[in-house]
Amino acid sequence: MKRDIGCWIPLKSFSERKNGGPSSIVIHYVSAKWSNPDRPYDMEEVITLLRAQKLSYHYIIGRGGNVVQCVDENDRAWHAGFGILFGKGDLNDTSIGVSFVATHDSGFNDSQISSGVKLCREIVKDYEIPLNHVVGHSHVDWKRKVDPGQNFPWIRFLNDIANG
C-alpha cells in the first residue's frame, strides 16, 4: 500500500512479504551523524546512507515532521532483521518499519511525534495491529539495538495513537 503522504523516495533494499500483511510496527531512529556530522538530519544524506548500507524503512519522518515513504507496505523493508516479538522472528516480514530522523541524544520534536502518531494510527487501524505490537527496535533486538532510545516519548505516543 502506498499512502497519500506526498513524498515517495524509493529504496531498492526490500523484498516480497512471505507471510501475509503486517502485524506490528517497529520504531527506529536514523541519522547521518557518523557519515556526515555536519548534516546529520539531512534527508538526502540519510537516504544515501540507507542505500549504501542496503537498509530500508517503509517510512522516514524528518525533523520537520515530513513523512517520506520508501517501501510499499505490501513489501518487506529491511529494518529489523534479528528482532523477535512475542516469540516470533523474521520481523521484517511481519512489520512496518517507521524511522524518525534523530540521534541517540537529539530527542524527537513535536512535529515528528505528531506526524508519527498520525501515520501509526492509520497503520494500526488499517491492519488491526494491537498497541502492544507498536514497539521500538530495542524492544525486539535488545542485545544489539538501542533505538529509538530513552528520549522517545512512548507514553504520549501510544496514548495519542489510541485516543486520536
N, C-alpha and C. Protein backbone atom coordinates (compact mmCIF):
# COMPACT_ATOMS: atom_id res chain seq x y z
N MET A 1 0.85 -1.18 0.00
CA MET A 1 0.00 0.00 0.00
C MET A 1 0.89 1.24 0.00
N LYS A 2 0.57 2.16 -0.87
CA LYS A 2 1.21 3.47 -0.86
C LYS A 2 0.21 4.44 -0.25
N ARG A 3 0.62 5.14 0.77
CA ARG A 3 -0.25 6.13 1.41
C ARG A 3 -0.11 7.47 0.71
N ASP A 4 -1.15 8.26 0.79
CA ASP A 4 -1.14 9.59 0.19
C ASP A 4 -0.49 10.57 1.16
N ILE A 5 0.83 10.51 1.24
CA ILE A 5 1.54 11.38 2.17
C ILE A 5 2.35 12.46 1.46
N GLY A 6 2.39 12.38 0.13
CA GLY A 6 3.01 13.46 -0.62
C GLY A 6 4.45 13.26 -1.02
N CYS A 7 5.17 12.34 -0.40
CA CYS A 7 6.57 12.16 -0.76
C CYS A 7 6.93 10.68 -0.81
N TRP A 8 7.46 10.28 -1.94
CA TRP A 8 7.87 8.89 -2.16
C TRP A 8 9.31 8.92 -2.64
N ILE A 9 10.23 8.38 -1.85
CA ILE A 9 11.63 8.23 -2.25
C ILE A 9 11.93 6.74 -2.16
N PRO A 10 11.89 6.03 -3.28
CA PRO A 10 12.03 4.58 -3.22
C PRO A 10 13.43 4.12 -2.84
N LEU A 11 13.47 3.11 -2.01
CA LEU A 11 14.71 2.40 -1.70
C LEU A 11 14.63 1.03 -2.34
N LYS A 12 15.75 0.54 -2.83
CA LYS A 12 15.76 -0.75 -3.55
C LYS A 12 15.97 -1.94 -2.63
N SER A 13 16.29 -1.69 -1.38
CA SER A 13 16.54 -2.79 -0.44
C SER A 13 15.24 -3.23 0.20
N PHE A 14 14.53 -4.10 -0.50
CA PHE A 14 13.30 -4.68 0.02
C PHE A 14 13.05 -5.97 -0.74
N SER A 15 12.08 -6.73 -0.28
CA SER A 15 11.70 -7.97 -0.95
C SER A 15 10.21 -8.21 -0.72
N GLU A 16 9.69 -9.26 -1.29
CA GLU A 16 8.27 -9.57 -1.11
C GLU A 16 8.03 -10.16 0.28
N ARG A 17 6.87 -9.83 0.84
CA ARG A 17 6.46 -10.47 2.09
C ARG A 17 6.11 -11.92 1.82
N LYS A 18 6.45 -12.79 2.77
CA LYS A 18 6.18 -14.22 2.61
C LYS A 18 4.91 -14.66 3.32
N ASN A 19 4.57 -13.96 4.42
CA ASN A 19 3.53 -14.47 5.32
C ASN A 19 2.38 -13.49 5.52
N GLY A 20 1.91 -12.89 4.48
CA GLY A 20 0.75 -12.01 4.62
C GLY A 20 1.12 -10.59 5.02
N GLY A 21 0.15 -9.90 5.57
CA GLY A 21 0.32 -8.49 5.90
C GLY A 21 1.00 -8.25 7.24
N PRO A 22 1.26 -7.00 7.53
CA PRO A 22 1.96 -6.65 8.77
C PRO A 22 1.09 -6.84 10.01
N SER A 23 1.75 -7.23 11.10
CA SER A 23 1.07 -7.39 12.38
C SER A 23 1.76 -6.60 13.49
N SER A 24 2.74 -5.78 13.12
CA SER A 24 3.42 -4.94 14.10
C SER A 24 4.04 -3.73 13.41
N ILE A 25 4.43 -2.76 14.23
CA ILE A 25 5.17 -1.58 13.77
C ILE A 25 6.43 -1.52 14.62
N VAL A 26 7.57 -1.39 13.97
CA VAL A 26 8.84 -1.25 14.69
C VAL A 26 9.34 0.18 14.47
N ILE A 27 9.58 0.87 15.60
CA ILE A 27 10.02 2.26 15.59
C ILE A 27 11.55 2.31 15.71
N HIS A 28 12.15 3.18 14.90
CA HIS A 28 13.60 3.35 14.86
C HIS A 28 13.95 4.84 14.89
N TYR A 29 15.25 5.12 15.01
CA TYR A 29 15.76 6.42 14.61
C TYR A 29 16.90 6.19 13.64
N VAL A 30 17.15 7.20 12.81
CA VAL A 30 18.22 7.13 11.82
C VAL A 30 18.79 8.53 11.65
N SER A 31 20.07 8.61 11.40
CA SER A 31 20.71 9.89 11.08
C SER A 31 21.96 9.61 10.26
N ALA A 32 22.54 10.69 9.76
CA ALA A 32 23.82 10.60 9.05
C ALA A 32 24.94 11.12 9.95
N LYS A 33 24.75 11.00 11.25
CA LYS A 33 25.70 11.55 12.22
C LYS A 33 27.13 11.08 11.99
N TRP A 34 27.31 9.81 11.69
CA TRP A 34 28.67 9.27 11.54
C TRP A 34 29.23 9.50 10.15
N SER A 35 28.39 9.47 9.14
CA SER A 35 28.88 9.65 7.78
C SER A 35 29.02 11.12 7.40
N ASN A 36 28.20 11.98 7.97
CA ASN A 36 28.27 13.41 7.66
C ASN A 36 27.84 14.21 8.90
N PRO A 37 28.76 14.38 9.87
CA PRO A 37 28.40 15.05 11.12
C PRO A 37 27.94 16.49 10.96
N ASP A 38 28.26 17.12 9.84
CA ASP A 38 27.79 18.50 9.60
C ASP A 38 26.33 18.55 9.18
N ARG A 39 25.79 17.43 8.70
CA ARG A 39 24.40 17.38 8.23
C ARG A 39 23.73 16.08 8.69
N PRO A 40 23.70 15.83 9.99
CA PRO A 40 23.19 14.54 10.46
C PRO A 40 21.70 14.32 10.20
N TYR A 41 20.93 15.39 10.06
CA TYR A 41 19.48 15.26 9.92
C TYR A 41 19.00 15.48 8.49
N ASP A 42 19.92 15.64 7.57
CA ASP A 42 19.57 15.90 6.17
C ASP A 42 19.00 14.63 5.53
N MET A 43 17.78 14.74 5.01
CA MET A 43 17.09 13.56 4.45
C MET A 43 17.87 12.94 3.30
N GLU A 44 18.46 13.76 2.44
CA GLU A 44 19.24 13.21 1.32
C GLU A 44 20.43 12.41 1.83
N GLU A 45 21.08 12.90 2.86
CA GLU A 45 22.21 12.18 3.45
C GLU A 45 21.74 10.85 4.07
N VAL A 46 20.60 10.89 4.73
CA VAL A 46 20.05 9.68 5.34
C VAL A 46 19.72 8.65 4.26
N ILE A 47 19.08 9.08 3.18
CA ILE A 47 18.73 8.17 2.09
C ILE A 47 19.99 7.58 1.45
N THR A 48 21.01 8.42 1.25
CA THR A 48 22.28 7.94 0.69
C THR A 48 22.89 6.88 1.59
N LEU A 49 22.86 7.11 2.89
CA LEU A 49 23.40 6.15 3.85
C LEU A 49 22.63 4.83 3.80
N LEU A 50 21.32 4.90 3.78
CA LEU A 50 20.50 3.68 3.73
C LEU A 50 20.77 2.89 2.45
N ARG A 51 20.88 3.59 1.34
CA ARG A 51 21.18 2.91 0.08
C ARG A 51 22.53 2.21 0.15
N ALA A 52 23.52 2.87 0.71
CA ALA A 52 24.87 2.29 0.81
C ALA A 52 24.88 1.07 1.73
N GLN A 53 24.08 1.11 2.79
CA GLN A 53 24.05 0.00 3.75
C GLN A 53 23.03 -1.08 3.40
N LYS A 54 22.28 -0.86 2.30
CA LYS A 54 21.24 -1.81 1.88
C LYS A 54 20.21 -2.06 2.98
N LEU A 55 19.79 -0.95 3.60
CA LEU A 55 18.75 -0.98 4.62
C LEU A 55 17.55 -0.19 4.11
N SER A 56 16.41 -0.41 4.73
CA SER A 56 15.23 0.36 4.33
C SER A 56 14.20 0.39 5.46
N TYR A 57 13.37 1.39 5.40
CA TYR A 57 12.19 1.52 6.26
C TYR A 57 11.02 1.77 5.33
N HIS A 58 9.84 1.46 5.78
CA HIS A 58 8.67 1.82 4.99
C HIS A 58 8.50 3.34 5.00
N TYR A 59 8.76 3.94 6.17
CA TYR A 59 8.58 5.39 6.33
C TYR A 59 9.73 5.99 7.11
N ILE A 60 10.07 7.23 6.73
CA ILE A 60 11.04 8.03 7.49
C ILE A 60 10.36 9.36 7.79
N ILE A 61 10.46 9.78 9.05
CA ILE A 61 9.85 11.05 9.47
C ILE A 61 10.97 12.05 9.76
N GLY A 62 11.01 13.11 8.95
CA GLY A 62 12.06 14.12 9.07
C GLY A 62 11.89 15.02 10.28
N ARG A 63 12.89 15.84 10.54
CA ARG A 63 12.87 16.73 11.70
C ARG A 63 11.72 17.72 11.66
N GLY A 64 11.26 18.07 10.46
CA GLY A 64 10.13 19.00 10.35
C GLY A 64 8.78 18.31 10.37
N GLY A 65 8.76 16.99 10.57
CA GLY A 65 7.52 16.25 10.59
C GLY A 65 7.10 15.72 9.22
N ASN A 66 7.92 15.99 8.20
CA ASN A 66 7.61 15.48 6.86
C ASN A 66 7.77 13.96 6.84
N VAL A 67 6.81 13.30 6.22
CA VAL A 67 6.82 11.85 6.14
C VAL A 67 7.19 11.45 4.72
N VAL A 68 8.17 10.56 4.62
CA VAL A 68 8.63 10.05 3.34
C VAL A 68 8.38 8.54 3.32
N GLN A 69 7.70 8.06 2.29
CA GLN A 69 7.53 6.63 2.14
C GLN A 69 8.63 6.11 1.22
N CYS A 70 9.27 5.02 1.64
CA CYS A 70 10.40 4.46 0.88
C CYS A 70 10.14 3.05 0.37
N VAL A 71 9.24 2.33 1.01
CA VAL A 71 8.91 0.96 0.61
C VAL A 71 7.39 0.80 0.74
N ASP A 72 6.79 0.19 -0.25
CA ASP A 72 5.36 -0.08 -0.21
C ASP A 72 5.05 -1.01 0.98
N GLU A 73 3.96 -0.77 1.66
CA GLU A 73 3.59 -1.59 2.82
C GLU A 73 3.36 -3.05 2.46
N ASN A 74 3.04 -3.34 1.22
CA ASN A 74 2.86 -4.72 0.80
C ASN A 74 4.18 -5.47 0.68
N ASP A 75 5.28 -4.73 0.70
CA ASP A 75 6.60 -5.33 0.61
C ASP A 75 7.30 -5.34 1.96
N ARG A 76 8.37 -6.05 2.00
CA ARG A 76 9.16 -6.28 3.21
C ARG A 76 10.37 -5.34 3.19
N ALA A 77 10.36 -4.34 4.07
CA ALA A 77 11.54 -3.46 4.21
C ALA A 77 12.57 -4.18 5.07
N TRP A 78 13.82 -3.78 4.95
CA TRP A 78 14.92 -4.44 5.67
C TRP A 78 15.36 -3.55 6.82
N HIS A 79 14.71 -3.71 7.98
CA HIS A 79 14.94 -2.82 9.10
C HIS A 79 15.04 -3.52 10.45
N ALA A 80 14.56 -4.73 10.58
CA ALA A 80 14.51 -5.40 11.89
C ALA A 80 14.91 -6.86 11.78
N GLY A 81 15.99 -7.12 11.10
CA GLY A 81 16.38 -8.46 10.71
C GLY A 81 16.47 -9.52 11.80
N PHE A 82 17.01 -9.17 12.96
CA PHE A 82 17.20 -10.18 14.01
C PHE A 82 16.19 -10.05 15.13
N GLY A 83 15.20 -9.19 14.96
CA GLY A 83 14.24 -8.94 16.02
C GLY A 83 13.30 -10.12 16.28
N ILE A 84 12.83 -10.19 17.53
CA ILE A 84 11.87 -11.20 17.96
C ILE A 84 10.77 -10.50 18.75
N LEU A 85 9.52 -10.75 18.40
CA LEU A 85 8.39 -10.15 19.11
C LEU A 85 7.43 -11.27 19.48
N PHE A 86 7.18 -11.42 20.78
CA PHE A 86 6.29 -12.46 21.30
C PHE A 86 6.67 -13.84 20.74
N GLY A 87 7.97 -14.10 20.74
CA GLY A 87 8.49 -15.40 20.32
C GLY A 87 8.61 -15.63 18.83
N LYS A 88 8.21 -14.65 18.03
CA LYS A 88 8.27 -14.80 16.58
C LYS A 88 9.40 -13.94 16.01
N GLY A 89 10.21 -14.55 15.16
CA GLY A 89 11.29 -13.83 14.49
C GLY A 89 10.87 -13.36 13.12
N ASP A 90 11.85 -13.06 12.29
CA ASP A 90 11.63 -12.60 10.92
C ASP A 90 10.69 -11.40 10.89
N LEU A 91 10.95 -10.42 11.74
CA LEU A 91 10.07 -9.26 11.86
C LEU A 91 9.99 -8.42 10.59
N ASN A 92 11.02 -8.47 9.76
CA ASN A 92 10.92 -7.73 8.50
C ASN A 92 9.69 -8.17 7.71
N ASP A 93 9.35 -9.44 7.82
CA ASP A 93 8.24 -9.98 7.06
C ASP A 93 6.88 -9.61 7.66
N THR A 94 6.84 -9.30 8.93
CA THR A 94 5.55 -9.08 9.59
C THR A 94 5.39 -7.69 10.20
N SER A 95 6.27 -6.76 9.82
CA SER A 95 6.19 -5.43 10.44
C SER A 95 6.28 -4.32 9.41
N ILE A 96 5.87 -3.15 9.86
CA ILE A 96 6.08 -1.89 9.15
C ILE A 96 7.20 -1.17 9.90
N GLY A 97 8.22 -0.73 9.18
CA GLY A 97 9.33 0.00 9.79
C GLY A 97 9.12 1.49 9.66
N VAL A 98 9.10 2.19 10.80
CA VAL A 98 8.96 3.64 10.83
C VAL A 98 10.17 4.21 11.55
N SER A 99 10.92 5.07 10.86
CA SER A 99 12.11 5.64 11.46
C SER A 99 12.01 7.15 11.54
N PHE A 100 12.41 7.67 12.68
CA PHE A 100 12.46 9.12 12.89
C PHE A 100 13.89 9.59 12.67
N VAL A 101 14.06 10.70 11.97
CA VAL A 101 15.39 11.26 11.80
C VAL A 101 15.77 11.90 13.13
N ALA A 102 16.73 11.28 13.80
CA ALA A 102 17.18 11.72 15.12
C ALA A 102 18.47 10.98 15.44
N THR A 103 19.10 11.40 16.50
CA THR A 103 20.25 10.68 17.03
C THR A 103 19.89 10.18 18.43
N HIS A 104 20.78 9.41 18.99
CA HIS A 104 20.55 8.88 20.34
C HIS A 104 20.33 10.01 21.34
N ASP A 105 20.99 11.14 21.12
CA ASP A 105 20.95 12.25 22.07
C ASP A 105 19.99 13.37 21.69
N SER A 106 19.56 13.42 20.45
CA SER A 106 18.82 14.60 19.98
C SER A 106 17.40 14.67 20.50
N GLY A 107 16.80 13.55 20.73
CA GLY A 107 15.39 13.56 21.08
C GLY A 107 14.54 13.74 19.83
N PHE A 108 13.25 13.91 20.05
CA PHE A 108 12.26 13.97 18.98
C PHE A 108 11.42 15.20 19.22
N ASN A 109 11.11 15.94 18.16
CA ASN A 109 10.34 17.17 18.36
C ASN A 109 8.84 16.91 18.13
N ASP A 110 8.04 17.91 18.52
CA ASP A 110 6.58 17.76 18.46
C ASP A 110 6.07 17.48 17.05
N SER A 111 6.68 18.12 16.04
CA SER A 111 6.25 17.89 14.66
C SER A 111 6.45 16.44 14.27
N GLN A 112 7.59 15.88 14.64
CA GLN A 112 7.86 14.48 14.32
C GLN A 112 6.88 13.55 15.03
N ILE A 113 6.70 13.77 16.31
CA ILE A 113 5.82 12.89 17.08
C ILE A 113 4.39 12.98 16.56
N SER A 114 3.91 14.19 16.26
CA SER A 114 2.55 14.34 15.72
C SER A 114 2.39 13.60 14.39
N SER A 115 3.37 13.73 13.52
CA SER A 115 3.31 13.02 12.23
C SER A 115 3.39 11.52 12.44
N GLY A 116 4.25 11.09 13.34
CA GLY A 116 4.38 9.66 13.64
C GLY A 116 3.11 9.08 14.21
N VAL A 117 2.47 9.82 15.10
CA VAL A 117 1.20 9.37 15.69
C VAL A 117 0.15 9.22 14.60
N LYS A 118 0.02 10.22 13.75
CA LYS A 118 -0.99 10.17 12.68
C LYS A 118 -0.75 8.98 11.77
N LEU A 119 0.49 8.80 11.34
CA LEU A 119 0.83 7.68 10.46
C LEU A 119 0.57 6.34 11.13
N CYS A 120 1.07 6.17 12.33
CA CYS A 120 0.92 4.89 13.03
C CYS A 120 -0.54 4.61 13.38
N ARG A 121 -1.31 5.63 13.68
CA ARG A 121 -2.73 5.44 13.96
C ARG A 121 -3.43 4.86 12.73
N GLU A 122 -3.10 5.37 11.54
CA GLU A 122 -3.69 4.85 10.31
C GLU A 122 -3.28 3.40 10.08
N ILE A 123 -1.99 3.10 10.29
CA ILE A 123 -1.49 1.74 10.07
C ILE A 123 -2.15 0.78 11.06
N VAL A 124 -2.20 1.17 12.34
CA VAL A 124 -2.83 0.34 13.38
C VAL A 124 -4.27 0.04 13.00
N LYS A 125 -4.98 1.05 12.55
CA LYS A 125 -6.39 0.87 12.17
C LYS A 125 -6.52 -0.02 10.94
N ASP A 126 -5.72 0.25 9.91
CA ASP A 126 -5.85 -0.50 8.65
C ASP A 126 -5.54 -1.98 8.80
N TYR A 127 -4.57 -2.31 9.66
CA TYR A 127 -4.15 -3.70 9.80
C TYR A 127 -4.58 -4.32 11.13
N GLU A 128 -5.36 -3.58 11.92
CA GLU A 128 -5.83 -4.06 13.23
C GLU A 128 -4.66 -4.54 14.09
N ILE A 129 -3.65 -3.69 14.19
CA ILE A 129 -2.45 -4.01 14.97
C ILE A 129 -2.68 -3.59 16.42
N PRO A 130 -2.52 -4.50 17.37
CA PRO A 130 -2.67 -4.14 18.78
C PRO A 130 -1.57 -3.16 19.21
N LEU A 131 -1.89 -2.28 20.14
CA LEU A 131 -0.91 -1.28 20.59
C LEU A 131 0.35 -1.92 21.18
N ASN A 132 0.24 -3.10 21.78
CA ASN A 132 1.44 -3.72 22.33
C ASN A 132 2.32 -4.34 21.23
N HIS A 133 1.91 -4.18 19.97
CA HIS A 133 2.73 -4.57 18.83
C HIS A 133 3.33 -3.36 18.13
N VAL A 134 3.21 -2.19 18.75
CA VAL A 134 3.91 -0.98 18.31
C VAL A 134 5.10 -0.86 19.25
N VAL A 135 6.28 -1.20 18.74
CA VAL A 135 7.44 -1.40 19.60
C VAL A 135 8.68 -0.71 19.03
N GLY A 136 9.66 -0.53 19.89
CA GLY A 136 10.94 0.01 19.46
C GLY A 136 11.86 -1.10 18.98
N HIS A 137 12.81 -0.73 18.17
CA HIS A 137 13.81 -1.70 17.71
C HIS A 137 14.52 -2.33 18.91
N SER A 138 14.76 -1.52 19.93
CA SER A 138 15.43 -2.01 21.14
C SER A 138 14.56 -3.02 21.90
N HIS A 139 13.25 -2.97 21.74
CA HIS A 139 12.37 -3.93 22.41
C HIS A 139 12.44 -5.31 21.78
N VAL A 140 12.76 -5.38 20.50
CA VAL A 140 12.74 -6.65 19.78
C VAL A 140 14.14 -7.19 19.48
N ASP A 141 15.16 -6.37 19.70
CA ASP A 141 16.55 -6.78 19.47
C ASP A 141 17.43 -6.13 20.53
N TRP A 142 17.07 -6.38 21.79
CA TRP A 142 17.64 -5.67 22.94
C TRP A 142 19.13 -5.90 23.13
N LYS A 143 19.67 -6.97 22.62
CA LYS A 143 21.10 -7.24 22.79
C LYS A 143 21.97 -6.40 21.85
N ARG A 144 21.38 -5.93 20.74
CA ARG A 144 22.16 -5.21 19.74
C ARG A 144 21.73 -3.77 19.50
N LYS A 145 20.49 -3.43 19.76
CA LYS A 145 19.96 -2.13 19.33
C LYS A 145 19.49 -1.29 20.51
N VAL A 146 19.57 0.04 20.34
CA VAL A 146 19.13 0.96 21.39
C VAL A 146 18.03 1.90 20.91
N ASP A 147 17.74 1.89 19.62
CA ASP A 147 16.76 2.84 19.10
C ASP A 147 15.32 2.36 19.33
N PRO A 148 14.42 3.28 19.54
CA PRO A 148 14.55 4.72 19.38
C PRO A 148 15.16 5.45 20.58
N GLY A 149 15.56 4.76 21.60
CA GLY A 149 16.29 5.39 22.70
C GLY A 149 15.43 5.89 23.83
N GLN A 150 16.10 6.32 24.89
CA GLN A 150 15.41 6.74 26.12
C GLN A 150 14.67 8.06 25.96
N ASN A 151 14.94 8.81 24.90
CA ASN A 151 14.25 10.09 24.69
C ASN A 151 12.93 9.96 23.93
N PHE A 152 12.59 8.75 23.50
CA PHE A 152 11.34 8.60 22.76
C PHE A 152 10.17 8.63 23.74
N PRO A 153 9.16 9.47 23.48
CA PRO A 153 8.03 9.64 24.41
C PRO A 153 6.96 8.55 24.25
N TRP A 154 7.29 7.34 24.71
CA TRP A 154 6.41 6.20 24.49
C TRP A 154 5.00 6.40 25.04
N ILE A 155 4.87 6.90 26.25
CA ILE A 155 3.53 7.04 26.85
C ILE A 155 2.67 7.99 26.02
N ARG A 156 3.21 9.15 25.69
CA ARG A 156 2.46 10.11 24.85
C ARG A 156 2.14 9.49 23.49
N PHE A 157 3.12 8.85 22.87
CA PHE A 157 2.97 8.31 21.53
C PHE A 157 1.85 7.27 21.48
N LEU A 158 1.89 6.31 22.36
CA LEU A 158 0.87 5.25 22.35
C LEU A 158 -0.49 5.77 22.79
N ASN A 159 -0.53 6.66 23.78
CA ASN A 159 -1.81 7.26 24.18
C ASN A 159 -2.43 8.04 23.03
N ASP A 160 -1.62 8.80 22.31
CA ASP A 160 -2.15 9.59 21.21
C ASP A 160 -2.62 8.70 20.06
N ILE A 161 -1.95 7.58 19.82
CA ILE A 161 -2.42 6.65 18.80
C ILE A 161 -3.79 6.08 19.21
N ALA A 162 -3.88 5.68 20.47
CA ALA A 162 -5.11 5.04 20.96
C ALA A 162 -6.28 6.01 21.06
N ASN A 163 -6.02 7.24 21.40
CA ASN A 163 -7.09 8.19 21.71
C ASN A 163 -7.32 9.26 20.66
N GLY A 164 -6.71 9.10 19.49
CA GLY A 164 -6.81 10.15 18.46
C GLY A 164 -8.07 10.17 17.69
